[in-house]
Amino acid sequence: MIRIALSILLLSFSGGNVPQPAPHPIVIAHRGASGERPEHTRAAYDLAIDQGADMIEPDLVMTRDGVLVVRHENEISETTDVADHPEFADRRTTRTIDGRTVTGWFTEDFTLAELKTLRTRERLATLRPGNTAYDGHEPILTFQEVIDIAREGSRRSGRLIGLAPEMKHPSHFAAIGLDMPSALVTVLAANDLTSAQAPVLVQCFEVEALRTLDRRIDTPLLQLIAAGGGPIDRPDLRYARMIMPEGLDEIADYAQAIGVDVTLIVPRDNSGAALAPTPLVDRAHEAGLKVIAWTFRAENLFLSTDDRRGDPAQPGYLAAHGDLSRMFEVFYDLGVDGVFSDFPALAVAAR
């Protein structure tokens, strides 16, 4: 299927109501402005839109009654107050998710109505203590509610705000009888978001879920690629092969973009210092794919030693902010087509 190029995927509207291409590269607010508000909350999404983000990113998981809700993972003890609800104490369990043993509370064991009784909280409280001031204030959002937030933000800002939903663990949900691709198609169709021109970019680390969507809708698709391992649904395939020319050609059969760990573009040595860039951006462009890099975070912990600032001997050094703006400039100069960032204001300013 042929999709509109991602560089002109989003349109803003001038005073004369004439569509104008969005700035390039696009800025995708990673779980909203999650560096400044708890991730996947209305506060995080609204702030990201106000800061100039072109798209907002919800991670999608499923409820027992088949509703798409927005959480970083289907295990929710880190991001909600579920442990404080005695009525759900017996729901705590241990599961194997994508080969990892995880203990906690899982969205698939709750109805939407039950999840709506919970309240969200900051996941990285040690790194982002300021965000904990918003703990307990907001409910879990459905995917539909995030679509509505994007539309409200478009009206408020005068810009078309796009969506970059990520399907989390579709194989896991399929194994327990929950069809995530079908649920996603249903919501997108109900909102007239299944065309090649839809301001949506559907992401997944798995392959077959994206291939399924490619057969059913024209909405642009993005294959996520990590620095190690491979898609859980394709044990025969490694991410390292997927970024080779033949692997990129295969991705181009069903997707329009790749979303890659920043270290696949600018690697780091064992000390954390940045090395020379790889040819991945040019290689992907040759295959006809756009390149979106993830994830840009301001805290020293996530930056190369080149961009860290402050005294490493001081308490709180890793939580202190380094020079994320310089990192953006490096990647923009390398020709990436977009960035996922917890700090969209910095991404917009650097652009």
Protein backbone atom coordinates (compact mmCIF):
# COMPACT_ATOMS: atom_id res chain seq x y z
CA MET A 1 0.00 0.00 0.00
CA ILE A 2 1.23 3.50 -0.79
CA ARG A 3 1.13 6.04 2.03
CA ILE A 4 1.75 9.74 2.15
CA ALA A 5 5.35 10.57 3.06
CA LEU A 6 5.77 11.15 6.77
CA SER A 7 7.53 14.45 6.18
CA ILE A 8 4.19 15.87 5.01
CA LEU A 9 1.98 13.66 7.15
CA LEU A 10 0.93 16.47 9.43
CA LEU A 11 -0.57 19.70 8.22
CA SER A 12 -1.00 22.92 10.13
CA PHE A 13 -3.45 25.59 9.05
CA SER A 14 -2.52 29.19 8.38
CA GLY A 15 -4.79 32.16 8.83
CA GLY A 16 -6.16 31.55 5.35
CA ASN A 17 -6.96 27.95 6.28
CA VAL A 18 -4.44 26.75 3.68
CA PRO A 19 -2.76 23.49 4.68
CA GLN A 20 0.97 23.85 5.30
CA PRO A 21 3.46 21.01 5.84
CA ALA A 22 4.49 20.48 9.43
CA PRO A 23 8.05 21.46 10.32
CA HIS A 24 10.69 18.84 9.65
CA PRO A 25 11.71 16.76 11.48
CA ILE A 26 8.49 15.97 13.34
CA VAL A 27 8.47 16.03 17.14
CA ILE A 28 6.58 13.20 18.83
CA ALA A 29 5.83 13.71 22.51
CA HIS A 30 6.83 10.41 24.09
CA ARG A 31 3.87 9.50 26.33
CA GLY A 32 3.15 13.22 26.35
CA ALA A 33 5.51 15.71 27.97
CA SER A 34 6.46 12.88 30.30
CA GLY A 35 9.58 14.60 31.56
CA GLU A 36 7.36 17.19 33.24
CA ARG A 37 4.10 15.35 33.99
CA PRO A 38 3.30 11.70 34.75
CA GLU A 39 3.29 9.78 31.47
CA HIS A 40 0.09 9.01 29.58
CA THR A 41 -2.00 11.53 31.49
CA ARG A 42 -4.14 14.32 30.09
CA ALA A 43 -1.80 16.79 31.79
CA ALA A 44 1.19 15.30 29.93
CA TYR A 45 -0.57 15.31 26.56
CA ASP A 46 -2.00 18.81 26.92
CA LEU A 47 1.38 20.21 27.95
CA ALA A 48 3.07 18.53 24.98
CA ILE A 49 0.58 20.07 22.58
CA ASP A 50 1.05 23.50 24.16
CA GLN A 51 4.82 23.07 23.80
CA GLY A 52 4.51 22.56 20.05
CA ALA A 53 4.67 18.78 19.62
CA ASP A 54 3.42 17.54 16.25
CA MET A 55 2.24 14.17 17.56
CA ILE A 56 1.45 12.59 20.93
CA GLU A 57 2.28 8.98 21.71
CA PRO A 58 0.01 6.61 23.65
CA ASP A 59 1.15 3.07 24.52
CA LEU A 60 -1.77 0.70 24.08
CA VAL A 61 -2.68 -2.30 26.24
CA MET A 62 -6.02 -4.07 26.70
CA THR A 63 -8.64 -4.60 29.38
CA ARG A 64 -10.44 -7.86 30.15
CA ASP A 65 -13.43 -6.55 28.23
CA GLY A 66 -11.34 -5.75 25.15
CA VAL A 67 -10.92 -1.98 25.45
CA LEU A 68 -7.68 -0.28 24.41
CA VAL A 69 -6.29 1.73 27.31
CA VAL A 70 -3.12 3.77 27.62
CA ARG A 71 -0.35 2.55 29.93
CA HIS A 72 3.41 2.06 29.55
CA GLU A 73 2.93 -1.65 30.25
CA ASN A 74 0.05 -4.01 30.95
CA GLU A 75 1.54 -4.41 34.45
CA ILE A 76 0.35 -1.28 36.23
CA SER A 77 1.77 -1.25 39.76
CA GLU A 78 4.47 1.26 38.76
CA THR A 79 2.10 3.72 37.11
CA THR A 80 -1.09 3.56 39.20
CA ASP A 81 -2.24 3.28 42.81
CA VAL A 82 -3.63 -0.23 42.28
CA ALA A 83 -1.61 -1.57 45.24
CA ASP A 84 -3.55 0.79 47.51
CA HIS A 85 -6.89 -0.78 46.57
CA PRO A 86 -7.65 -3.69 48.93
CA GLU A 87 -10.52 -4.80 46.70
CA PHE A 88 -7.95 -5.73 44.05
CA ALA A 89 -5.37 -7.37 46.31
CA ASP A 90 -6.24 -10.84 45.02
CA ARG A 91 -5.57 -9.77 41.42
CA ARG A 92 -1.82 -9.59 42.06
CA THR A 93 -0.20 -12.41 40.12
CA THR A 94 2.89 -13.49 38.17
CA ARG A 95 2.94 -13.72 34.38
CA THR A 96 5.47 -14.29 31.63
CA ILE A 97 5.38 -11.31 29.26
CA ASP A 98 7.57 -11.53 26.16
CA GLY A 99 9.82 -14.04 27.90
CA ARG A 100 10.15 -12.06 31.15
CA THR A 101 8.66 -13.06 34.49
CA VAL A 102 6.64 -10.14 35.84
CA THR A 103 4.73 -9.91 39.13
CA GLY A 104 2.03 -7.35 39.71
CA TRP A 105 -1.40 -6.30 38.48
CA PHE A 106 -2.26 -6.62 34.78
CA THR A 107 -4.76 -4.66 32.73
CA GLU A 108 -6.16 -7.83 31.19
CA ASP A 109 -7.47 -8.86 34.61
CA PHE A 110 -9.59 -5.71 34.96
CA THR A 111 -12.62 -4.34 33.19
CA LEU A 112 -12.48 -0.77 31.97
CA ALA A 113 -14.87 0.26 34.74
CA GLU A 114 -12.54 -1.22 37.35
CA LEU A 115 -9.46 0.45 35.87
CA LYS A 116 -11.26 3.78 35.90
CA THR A 117 -11.33 3.62 39.72
CA LEU A 118 -7.51 3.79 39.80
CA ARG A 119 -5.39 6.92 39.64
CA THR A 120 -2.10 7.45 37.83
CA ARG A 121 1.30 8.23 39.32
CA GLU A 122 4.84 9.05 38.21
CA ARG A 123 6.80 5.96 37.15
CA LEU A 124 10.31 7.46 37.49
CA ALA A 125 9.82 9.15 40.84
CA THR A 126 13.53 9.11 41.79
CA LEU A 127 14.56 10.83 38.56
CA ARG A 128 11.51 13.10 38.31
CA PRO A 129 10.40 13.90 41.86
CA GLY A 130 8.62 17.04 40.70
CA ASN A 131 6.16 14.93 38.75
CA THR A 132 4.98 13.20 41.91
CA ALA A 133 3.02 16.34 42.77
CA TYR A 134 0.52 15.11 40.17
CA ASP A 135 0.19 11.60 41.62
CA GLY A 136 -3.35 10.51 42.27
CA HIS A 137 -4.95 13.26 40.21
CA GLU A 138 -5.91 11.51 36.97
CA PRO A 139 -7.61 8.33 35.75
CA ILE A 140 -6.30 5.87 33.18
CA LEU A 141 -7.21 7.05 29.68
CA THR A 142 -8.71 5.01 26.88
CA PHE A 143 -7.27 5.29 23.38
CA GLN A 144 -10.46 7.04 22.34
CA GLU A 145 -9.94 9.64 25.03
CA VAL A 146 -6.42 10.33 23.72
CA ILE A 147 -7.81 10.75 20.21
CA ASP A 148 -10.25 13.27 21.66
CA ILE A 149 -7.39 15.08 23.44
CA ALA A 150 -5.51 15.35 20.14
CA ARG A 151 -8.59 16.79 18.43
CA GLU A 152 -9.18 19.26 21.24
CA GLY A 153 -5.50 20.21 21.06
CA SER A 154 -5.78 20.76 17.32
CA ARG A 155 -8.63 23.20 17.83
CA ARG A 156 -6.81 24.95 20.67
CA SER A 157 -3.46 25.26 18.90
CA GLY A 158 -4.57 25.76 15.30
CA ARG A 159 -2.28 22.87 14.32
CA LEU A 160 -3.24 19.33 13.37
CA ILE A 161 -2.01 17.15 16.25
CA GLY A 162 -1.18 13.62 15.19
CA LEU A 163 -1.15 10.35 17.10
CA ALA A 164 1.60 7.73 17.31
CA PRO A 165 0.00 4.78 19.15
CA GLU A 166 2.24 1.85 20.05
CA MET A 167 0.75 -1.63 20.27
CA LYS A 168 2.28 -3.25 23.36
CA HIS A 169 2.59 -7.06 23.47
CA PRO A 170 -0.01 -7.97 20.81
CA SER A 171 1.18 -11.60 20.80
CA HIS A 172 0.64 -11.86 24.55
CA PHE A 173 -2.86 -10.46 24.28
CA ALA A 174 -3.65 -12.74 21.32
CA ALA A 175 -2.66 -15.77 23.42
CA ILE A 176 -5.34 -14.87 25.97
CA GLY A 177 -8.00 -14.20 23.37
CA LEU A 178 -7.65 -10.41 22.98
CA ASP A 179 -7.14 -9.28 19.39
CA MET A 180 -5.27 -5.99 19.60
CA PRO A 181 -4.95 -5.26 15.86
CA SER A 182 -8.71 -5.74 15.38
CA ALA A 183 -9.50 -3.55 18.39
CA LEU A 184 -7.20 -0.87 17.00
CA VAL A 185 -8.77 -1.03 13.53
CA THR A 186 -12.22 -0.66 15.10
CA VAL A 187 -11.25 2.52 16.98
CA LEU A 188 -9.39 4.02 14.02
CA ALA A 189 -12.29 3.29 11.67
CA ALA A 190 -14.80 4.82 14.08
CA ASN A 191 -12.70 8.01 13.99
CA ASP A 192 -12.09 8.05 10.22
CA LEU A 193 -8.36 7.40 10.72
CA THR A 194 -7.73 4.45 8.39
CA SER A 195 -6.62 6.32 5.27
CA ALA A 196 -3.09 6.98 4.07
CA GLN A 197 -3.64 10.65 4.94
CA ALA A 198 -4.64 9.98 8.55
CA PRO A 199 -2.45 11.91 11.03
CA VAL A 200 -1.55 8.63 12.71
CA LEU A 201 1.60 6.53 12.88
CA VAL A 202 1.01 3.06 14.36
CA GLN A 203 4.07 1.51 15.98
CA CYS A 204 5.05 -1.93 17.23
CA PHE A 205 8.18 -3.92 18.08
CA GLU A 206 6.48 -7.02 16.70
CA VAL A 207 6.26 -7.70 12.96
CA GLU A 208 3.12 -9.72 12.32
CA ALA A 209 0.78 -7.27 14.05
CA LEU A 210 2.00 -4.56 11.67
CA ARG A 211 1.66 -6.87 8.68
CA THR A 212 -1.91 -7.57 9.76
CA LEU A 213 -2.67 -3.85 9.87
CA ASP A 214 -1.02 -3.35 6.47
CA ARG A 215 -3.54 -5.78 4.98
CA ARG A 216 -6.51 -4.09 6.62
CA ILE A 217 -5.94 -0.32 6.69
CA ASP A 218 -3.90 2.35 4.91
CA THR A 219 -2.84 4.18 8.08
CA PRO A 220 0.95 4.75 8.12
CA LEU A 221 2.94 2.14 10.07
CA LEU A 222 6.29 2.21 11.90
CA GLN A 223 8.46 -0.76 12.79
CA LEU A 224 10.19 -0.26 16.14
CA ILE A 225 13.75 -1.57 16.42
CA ALA A 226 15.72 -1.96 19.63
CA ALA A 227 19.49 -2.01 20.07
CA GLY A 228 19.46 -5.73 20.86
CA GLY A 229 17.31 -8.82 20.60
CA GLY A 230 14.53 -9.24 18.10
CA PRO A 231 10.75 -9.24 17.63
CA ILE A 232 9.14 -11.58 20.15
CA ASP A 233 6.81 -12.93 17.45
CA ARG A 234 9.70 -13.73 15.11
CA PRO A 235 12.32 -15.77 16.97
CA ASP A 236 14.10 -16.31 13.64
CA LEU A 237 14.71 -12.59 13.23
CA ARG A 238 17.13 -10.23 15.00
CA TYR A 239 16.91 -6.45 15.04
CA ALA A 240 20.55 -6.36 13.94
CA ARG A 241 19.51 -8.00 10.67
CA MET A 242 16.51 -5.71 10.28
CA ILE A 243 18.74 -2.63 10.02
CA MET A 244 20.79 -4.17 7.20
CA PRO A 245 19.80 -3.25 3.62
CA GLU A 246 17.91 -6.49 2.99
CA GLY A 247 16.10 -6.19 6.33
CA LEU A 248 15.09 -2.60 5.62
CA ASP A 249 13.77 -3.64 2.20
CA GLU A 250 11.59 -6.24 3.92
CA ILE A 251 10.24 -3.65 6.36
CA ALA A 252 9.42 -1.34 3.47
CA ASP A 253 7.01 -4.01 2.20
CA TYR A 254 4.61 -3.28 5.07
CA ALA A 255 5.72 -0.11 6.89
CA GLN A 256 6.64 3.45 6.00
CA ALA A 257 9.06 4.20 8.83
CA ILE A 258 11.37 2.70 11.38
CA GLY A 259 11.66 3.86 14.98
CA VAL A 260 15.14 3.12 16.29
CA ASP A 261 17.10 3.38 19.51
CA VAL A 262 19.33 6.47 19.35
CA THR A 263 22.40 4.27 19.83
CA LEU A 264 21.74 2.56 16.50
CA ILE A 265 22.40 5.94 14.89
CA VAL A 266 25.07 7.32 17.25
CA PRO A 267 26.62 4.39 19.15
CA ARG A 268 28.35 4.74 22.51
CA ASP A 269 31.47 3.04 23.79
CA ASN A 270 31.72 1.21 27.10
CA SER A 271 32.33 4.46 28.94
CA GLY A 272 29.15 6.01 27.49
CA ALA A 273 30.96 8.37 25.09
CA ALA A 274 29.44 8.93 21.65
CA LEU A 275 31.10 7.25 18.68
CA ALA A 276 30.95 8.06 14.97
CA PRO A 277 27.46 7.85 13.44
CA THR A 278 26.38 4.71 11.60
CA PRO A 279 24.99 4.74 8.04
CA LEU A 280 21.52 3.69 9.24
CA VAL A 281 19.70 6.93 8.40
CA ASP A 282 20.99 7.01 4.82
CA ARG A 283 20.47 3.27 4.46
CA ALA A 284 16.83 3.52 5.58
CA HIS A 285 16.18 6.47 3.30
CA GLU A 286 17.54 4.46 0.37
CA ALA A 287 14.95 1.78 1.21
CA GLY A 288 12.21 4.42 1.16
CA LEU A 289 11.73 4.47 4.92
CA LYS A 290 11.52 7.46 7.24
CA VAL A 291 13.62 7.33 10.43
CA ILE A 292 12.29 8.34 13.86
CA ALA A 293 14.80 8.11 16.73
CA TRP A 294 13.96 7.29 20.37
CA THR A 295 14.10 8.27 23.18
CA PHE A 296 15.43 11.77 23.90
CA ARG A 297 15.48 12.47 27.65
CA ALA A 298 17.18 15.33 29.44
CA GLU A 299 18.49 13.51 32.51
CA ASN A 300 22.22 12.71 32.57
CA LEU A 301 21.38 9.04 33.10
CA PHE A 302 20.11 8.77 29.53
CA LEU A 303 22.71 10.94 27.78
CA SER A 304 26.12 10.14 26.39
CA THR A 305 28.99 11.36 28.54
CA ASP A 306 29.54 14.08 25.92
CA ASP A 307 26.19 15.65 26.77
CA ARG A 308 26.14 15.15 30.53
CA ARG A 309 26.60 18.21 32.70
CA GLY A 310 27.53 18.70 36.35
CA ASP A 311 29.81 16.98 38.85
CA PRO A 312 29.57 13.15 38.75
CA ALA A 313 30.61 13.05 42.40
CA GLN A 314 27.58 15.03 43.51
CA PRO A 315 24.35 13.37 44.71
CA GLY A 316 21.63 13.62 42.12
CA TYR A 317 24.07 13.85 39.22
CA LEU A 318 22.28 11.23 37.12
CA ALA A 319 18.91 12.92 37.64
CA ALA A 320 20.34 16.35 36.76
CA HIS A 321 19.73 17.64 33.24
CA GLY A 322 22.46 17.62 30.65
CA ASP A 323 22.65 19.23 27.22
CA LEU A 324 19.76 17.53 25.45
CA SER A 325 19.52 20.41 23.00
CA ARG A 326 22.97 19.60 21.61
CA MET A 327 21.91 15.97 21.17
CA PHE A 328 18.88 17.06 19.16
CA GLU A 329 21.07 19.20 16.94
CA VAL A 330 23.40 16.27 16.23
CA PHE A 331 20.51 14.02 15.20
CA TYR A 332 18.76 16.70 13.17
CA ASP A 333 22.00 17.27 11.28
CA LEU A 334 22.18 13.52 10.57
CA GLY A 335 18.86 13.74 8.76
CA VAL A 336 16.40 11.94 11.03
CA ASP A 337 12.76 12.50 10.07
CA GLY A 338 11.50 12.72 13.62
CA VAL A 339 12.24 12.24 17.30
CA PHE A 340 10.43 10.76 20.27
CA SER A 341 11.10 12.92 23.32
CA ASP A 342 9.96 13.17 26.93
CA PHE A 343 10.79 16.88 26.61
CA PRO A 344 9.04 18.08 23.43
CA ALA A 345 9.64 21.77 24.19
CA LEU A 346 13.41 21.23 23.91
CA ALA A 347 12.95 19.24 20.68
CA VAL A 348 10.87 22.02 19.14
CA ALA A 349 13.29 24.72 20.26
CA ALA A 350 16.31 22.88 18.84
CA ARG A 351 14.51 22.34 15.55
